[in-house]
Amino acid sequence: MRRALVAALALCADGSLRPKTRRFLTGLSCDELQFLAEFLGASILECGCRYPRSRAQLSLRIGEFQKARRARHAASADHDHKIILLREFLFLSGLEQAPVALRFGG
């Protein structure tokens, strides 16, 4: 299952970013990979789109995801850690648009 999650999540990345994204994903636990997949799946189902791309859209979507998850699951001690991994995955994969200063090297 772990290998399938890595492959599926890596395919979500922009083409040129897939190798770097795959390396990042291979370092994650199965639980962390499932968390990332759950976020992307929920985004697709609830937003009617692939996923939100701007920082503002993603922040709103992550907040909604956290609220829904808390309602379904007991708060886990590593939830904040998983949110950090989610943000890193979204950035590395090109699913989150980088801030203008980063995109233009300034």
N, C-alpha and C. Protein backbone atom coordinates (compact mmCIF):
# COMPACT_ATOMS: atom_id res chain seq x y z
N MET A 1 0.82 -1.19 0.00
CA MET A 1 0.00 0.00 0.00
C MET A 1 0.86 1.26 0.00
N ARG A 2 1.97 1.22 0.73
CA ARG A 2 2.85 2.37 0.83
C ARG A 2 3.38 2.76 -0.56
N ARG A 3 3.81 1.78 -1.31
CA ARG A 3 4.36 2.03 -2.64
C ARG A 3 3.29 2.66 -3.56
N ALA A 4 2.07 2.17 -3.45
CA ALA A 4 0.97 2.71 -4.26
C ALA A 4 0.67 4.17 -3.88
N LEU A 5 0.71 4.48 -2.59
CA LEU A 5 0.47 5.85 -2.15
C LEU A 5 1.56 6.79 -2.67
N VAL A 6 2.82 6.36 -2.56
CA VAL A 6 3.92 7.19 -3.06
C VAL A 6 3.74 7.44 -4.55
N ALA A 7 3.45 6.39 -5.30
CA ALA A 7 3.28 6.53 -6.76
C ALA A 7 2.12 7.46 -7.09
N ALA A 8 0.99 7.28 -6.43
CA ALA A 8 -0.20 8.10 -6.71
C ALA A 8 0.04 9.56 -6.34
N LEU A 9 0.63 9.80 -5.19
CA LEU A 9 0.88 11.18 -4.77
C LEU A 9 1.92 11.85 -5.66
N ALA A 10 2.93 11.11 -6.07
CA ALA A 10 3.97 11.67 -6.95
C ALA A 10 3.37 12.06 -8.30
N LEU A 11 2.39 11.31 -8.77
CA LEU A 11 1.74 11.64 -10.05
C LEU A 11 0.95 12.95 -9.98
N CYS A 12 0.63 13.40 -8.80
CA CYS A 12 -0.09 14.67 -8.64
C CYS A 12 0.84 15.86 -8.86
N ALA A 13 2.13 15.63 -8.76
CA ALA A 13 3.11 16.72 -8.88
C ALA A 13 3.26 17.16 -10.33
N ASP A 14 3.63 18.42 -10.51
CA ASP A 14 3.95 18.91 -11.84
C ASP A 14 5.10 18.06 -12.39
N GLY A 15 5.09 17.81 -13.68
CA GLY A 15 6.02 16.89 -14.33
C GLY A 15 7.48 17.00 -13.92
N SER A 16 8.06 18.17 -14.01
CA SER A 16 9.48 18.33 -13.71
C SER A 16 9.79 18.20 -12.22
N LEU A 17 8.77 18.29 -11.39
CA LEU A 17 8.96 18.21 -9.94
C LEU A 17 8.73 16.81 -9.38
N ARG A 18 8.33 15.88 -10.23
CA ARG A 18 8.00 14.53 -9.75
C ARG A 18 9.17 13.81 -9.07
N PRO A 19 10.38 13.83 -9.63
CA PRO A 19 11.47 13.11 -8.95
C PRO A 19 11.75 13.64 -7.54
N LYS A 20 11.78 14.95 -7.39
CA LYS A 20 12.02 15.56 -6.07
C LYS A 20 10.87 15.23 -5.12
N THR A 21 9.65 15.29 -5.63
CA THR A 21 8.48 14.98 -4.82
C THR A 21 8.50 13.52 -4.39
N ARG A 22 8.85 12.63 -5.31
CA ARG A 22 8.92 11.20 -4.98
C ARG A 22 9.95 10.94 -3.88
N ARG A 23 11.10 11.59 -3.97
CA ARG A 23 12.13 11.43 -2.92
C ARG A 23 11.59 11.87 -1.56
N PHE A 24 10.88 12.98 -1.54
CA PHE A 24 10.28 13.47 -0.31
C PHE A 24 9.28 12.45 0.23
N LEU A 25 8.42 11.96 -0.64
CA LEU A 25 7.38 11.02 -0.23
C LEU A 25 7.94 9.71 0.29
N THR A 26 9.04 9.23 -0.27
CA THR A 26 9.60 7.95 0.18
C THR A 26 10.11 8.02 1.62
N GLY A 27 10.33 9.21 2.13
CA GLY A 27 10.78 9.36 3.50
C GLY A 27 9.65 9.43 4.52
N LEU A 28 8.41 9.38 4.05
CA LEU A 28 7.27 9.51 4.95
C LEU A 28 6.72 8.14 5.35
N SER A 29 6.07 8.11 6.50
CA SER A 29 5.43 6.88 6.96
C SER A 29 4.13 6.66 6.19
N CYS A 30 3.60 5.47 6.28
CA CYS A 30 2.34 5.15 5.62
C CYS A 30 1.21 6.04 6.16
N ASP A 31 1.22 6.29 7.45
CA ASP A 31 0.21 7.14 8.07
C ASP A 31 0.29 8.57 7.52
N GLU A 32 1.50 9.07 7.34
CA GLU A 32 1.68 10.42 6.80
C GLU A 32 1.24 10.48 5.34
N LEU A 33 1.55 9.44 4.58
CA LEU A 33 1.12 9.38 3.18
C LEU A 33 -0.40 9.35 3.08
N GLN A 34 -1.03 8.60 3.96
CA GLN A 34 -2.49 8.52 3.97
C GLN A 34 -3.10 9.88 4.29
N PHE A 35 -2.48 10.63 5.18
CA PHE A 35 -2.94 11.96 5.53
C PHE A 35 -2.92 12.87 4.29
N LEU A 36 -1.80 12.84 3.53
CA LEU A 36 -1.69 13.65 2.33
C LEU A 36 -2.75 13.25 1.30
N ALA A 37 -2.91 11.95 1.13
CA ALA A 37 -3.90 11.44 0.17
C ALA A 37 -5.32 11.83 0.59
N GLU A 38 -5.58 11.78 1.89
CA GLU A 38 -6.91 12.16 2.39
C GLU A 38 -7.19 13.63 2.08
N PHE A 39 -6.19 14.48 2.27
CA PHE A 39 -6.37 15.90 1.97
C PHE A 39 -6.68 16.11 0.50
N LEU A 40 -5.88 15.50 -0.38
CA LEU A 40 -6.11 15.69 -1.81
C LEU A 40 -7.46 15.12 -2.24
N GLY A 41 -7.80 13.95 -1.73
CA GLY A 41 -9.09 13.35 -2.06
C GLY A 41 -10.25 14.21 -1.59
N ALA A 42 -10.16 14.71 -0.36
CA ALA A 42 -11.22 15.56 0.17
C ALA A 42 -11.33 16.86 -0.63
N SER A 43 -10.20 17.39 -1.06
CA SER A 43 -10.21 18.62 -1.86
C SER A 43 -10.92 18.39 -3.18
N ILE A 44 -10.65 17.27 -3.79
CA ILE A 44 -11.29 16.95 -5.07
C ILE A 44 -12.79 16.79 -4.89
N LEU A 45 -13.18 16.04 -3.88
CA LEU A 45 -14.61 15.77 -3.67
C LEU A 45 -15.39 17.00 -3.22
N GLU A 46 -14.82 17.79 -2.33
CA GLU A 46 -15.55 18.90 -1.75
C GLU A 46 -15.48 20.18 -2.57
N CYS A 47 -14.41 20.35 -3.31
CA CYS A 47 -14.26 21.60 -4.07
C CYS A 47 -14.71 21.46 -5.52
N GLY A 48 -14.91 20.23 -5.96
CA GLY A 48 -15.30 20.04 -7.35
C GLY A 48 -14.20 20.42 -8.32
N CYS A 49 -12.97 20.49 -7.81
CA CYS A 49 -11.83 20.82 -8.66
C CYS A 49 -10.68 19.91 -8.26
N ARG A 50 -9.58 19.98 -8.99
CA ARG A 50 -8.44 19.14 -8.64
C ARG A 50 -7.95 19.46 -7.23
N TYR A 51 -7.64 20.70 -6.99
CA TYR A 51 -7.20 21.16 -5.68
C TYR A 51 -7.01 22.66 -5.76
N PRO A 52 -7.13 23.35 -4.64
CA PRO A 52 -6.88 24.79 -4.65
C PRO A 52 -5.39 25.04 -4.82
N ARG A 53 -5.01 26.09 -5.54
CA ARG A 53 -3.60 26.32 -5.82
C ARG A 53 -3.02 27.55 -5.14
N SER A 54 -3.78 28.59 -4.95
CA SER A 54 -3.18 29.79 -4.36
C SER A 54 -2.99 29.58 -2.86
N ARG A 55 -2.10 30.36 -2.29
CA ARG A 55 -1.85 30.25 -0.84
C ARG A 55 -3.13 30.50 -0.04
N ALA A 56 -3.87 31.50 -0.45
CA ALA A 56 -5.11 31.83 0.28
C ALA A 56 -6.12 30.69 0.19
N GLN A 57 -6.29 30.15 -1.02
CA GLN A 57 -7.22 29.03 -1.21
C GLN A 57 -6.77 27.82 -0.39
N LEU A 58 -5.46 27.53 -0.42
CA LEU A 58 -4.94 26.38 0.32
C LEU A 58 -5.08 26.56 1.82
N SER A 59 -4.82 27.75 2.31
CA SER A 59 -4.95 27.99 3.74
C SER A 59 -6.39 27.77 4.18
N LEU A 60 -7.32 28.27 3.39
CA LEU A 60 -8.73 28.08 3.70
C LEU A 60 -9.09 26.59 3.65
N ARG A 61 -8.63 25.91 2.62
CA ARG A 61 -8.92 24.49 2.45
C ARG A 61 -8.32 23.64 3.57
N ILE A 62 -7.08 23.96 3.97
CA ILE A 62 -6.42 23.23 5.06
C ILE A 62 -7.19 23.44 6.36
N GLY A 63 -7.65 24.69 6.61
CA GLY A 63 -8.44 24.97 7.80
C GLY A 63 -9.73 24.16 7.83
N GLU A 64 -10.41 24.09 6.69
CA GLU A 64 -11.64 23.30 6.60
C GLU A 64 -11.35 21.82 6.83
N PHE A 65 -10.25 21.35 6.25
CA PHE A 65 -9.85 19.95 6.39
C PHE A 65 -9.56 19.62 7.85
N GLN A 66 -8.84 20.51 8.52
CA GLN A 66 -8.52 20.30 9.94
C GLN A 66 -9.80 20.23 10.78
N LYS A 67 -10.73 21.14 10.53
CA LYS A 67 -11.98 21.15 11.28
C LYS A 67 -12.77 19.86 11.06
N ALA A 68 -12.87 19.43 9.83
CA ALA A 68 -13.61 18.21 9.51
C ALA A 68 -12.93 16.99 10.13
N ARG A 69 -11.61 16.98 10.09
CA ARG A 69 -10.86 15.85 10.66
C ARG A 69 -11.02 15.79 12.17
N ARG A 70 -10.98 16.94 12.82
CA ARG A 70 -11.16 16.97 14.28
C ARG A 70 -12.54 16.46 14.67
N ALA A 71 -13.52 16.75 13.84
CA ALA A 71 -14.88 16.29 14.13
C ALA A 71 -14.99 14.77 14.00
N ARG A 72 -14.20 14.18 13.11
CA ARG A 72 -14.25 12.73 12.88
C ARG A 72 -13.28 11.94 13.74
N HIS A 73 -12.14 12.51 14.06
CA HIS A 73 -11.09 11.80 14.79
C HIS A 73 -10.74 12.53 16.07
N ALA A 74 -10.29 11.79 17.03
CA ALA A 74 -9.75 12.42 18.24
C ALA A 74 -8.47 13.17 17.84
N ALA A 75 -8.21 14.27 18.48
CA ALA A 75 -7.02 15.05 18.16
C ALA A 75 -5.78 14.19 18.36
N SER A 76 -4.95 14.13 17.34
CA SER A 76 -3.73 13.35 17.46
C SER A 76 -2.56 14.27 17.81
N ALA A 77 -1.61 13.71 18.50
CA ALA A 77 -0.46 14.49 18.94
C ALA A 77 0.39 14.95 17.76
N ASP A 78 0.34 14.22 16.66
CA ASP A 78 1.20 14.56 15.53
C ASP A 78 0.46 15.32 14.42
N HIS A 79 -0.72 15.84 14.72
CA HIS A 79 -1.50 16.54 13.70
C HIS A 79 -0.75 17.75 13.15
N ASP A 80 -0.15 18.55 14.01
CA ASP A 80 0.60 19.73 13.54
C ASP A 80 1.76 19.31 12.65
N HIS A 81 2.41 18.23 13.01
CA HIS A 81 3.52 17.70 12.20
C HIS A 81 3.02 17.32 10.80
N LYS A 82 1.85 16.69 10.73
CA LYS A 82 1.30 16.27 9.45
C LYS A 82 0.90 17.49 8.60
N ILE A 83 0.43 18.53 9.23
CA ILE A 83 0.08 19.75 8.49
C ILE A 83 1.34 20.36 7.89
N ILE A 84 2.44 20.34 8.63
CA ILE A 84 3.72 20.84 8.10
C ILE A 84 4.15 20.00 6.91
N LEU A 85 4.03 18.68 7.02
CA LEU A 85 4.37 17.80 5.90
C LEU A 85 3.46 18.07 4.70
N LEU A 86 2.19 18.31 4.95
CA LEU A 86 1.25 18.61 3.88
C LEU A 86 1.67 19.88 3.14
N ARG A 87 1.97 20.93 3.89
CA ARG A 87 2.41 22.19 3.27
C ARG A 87 3.68 21.97 2.44
N GLU A 88 4.62 21.22 2.99
CA GLU A 88 5.88 20.95 2.27
C GLU A 88 5.61 20.17 0.99
N PHE A 89 4.75 19.15 1.08
CA PHE A 89 4.39 18.36 -0.10
C PHE A 89 3.75 19.25 -1.16
N LEU A 90 2.81 20.09 -0.76
CA LEU A 90 2.13 20.97 -1.72
C LEU A 90 3.10 21.91 -2.40
N PHE A 91 4.07 22.42 -1.65
CA PHE A 91 5.06 23.32 -2.23
C PHE A 91 6.01 22.57 -3.15
N LEU A 92 6.58 21.45 -2.68
CA LEU A 92 7.54 20.69 -3.48
C LEU A 92 6.95 20.17 -4.79
N SER A 93 5.70 19.79 -4.73
CA SER A 93 5.04 19.19 -5.89
C SER A 93 4.53 20.21 -6.90
N GLY A 94 4.55 21.49 -6.52
CA GLY A 94 4.03 22.52 -7.40
C GLY A 94 2.53 22.69 -7.29
N LEU A 95 1.92 22.02 -6.32
CA LEU A 95 0.47 22.14 -6.14
C LEU A 95 0.11 23.44 -5.43
N GLU A 96 1.08 24.01 -4.74
CA GLU A 96 0.88 25.31 -4.10
C GLU A 96 1.72 26.31 -4.87
N GLN A 97 1.13 27.40 -5.24
CA GLN A 97 1.90 28.42 -5.93
C GLN A 97 2.85 29.07 -4.94
N ALA A 98 4.09 29.18 -5.33
CA ALA A 98 5.09 29.80 -4.47
C ALA A 98 4.80 31.30 -4.37
N PRO A 99 5.17 31.89 -3.23
CA PRO A 99 5.02 33.34 -3.11
C PRO A 99 5.81 34.04 -4.22
N VAL A 100 5.36 35.18 -4.65
CA VAL A 100 5.99 35.91 -5.76
C VAL A 100 7.48 36.08 -5.52
N ALA A 101 7.89 36.41 -4.31
CA ALA A 101 9.32 36.63 -4.02
C ALA A 101 10.14 35.37 -4.29
N LEU A 102 9.59 34.21 -3.99
CA LEU A 102 10.32 32.97 -4.24
C LEU A 102 10.33 32.61 -5.72
N ARG A 103 9.24 32.85 -6.42
CA ARG A 103 9.15 32.50 -7.83
C ARG A 103 10.12 33.31 -8.67
N PHE A 104 10.39 34.54 -8.28
CA PHE A 104 11.23 35.40 -9.07
C PHE A 104 12.59 35.67 -8.41
N GLY A 105 12.94 34.81 -7.47
CA GLY A 105 14.27 34.88 -6.86
C GLY A 105 14.52 36.12 -6.03
N GLY A 106 13.51 36.78 -5.54
CA GLY A 106 13.74 38.01 -4.80
C GLY A 106 13.11 37.95 -3.51
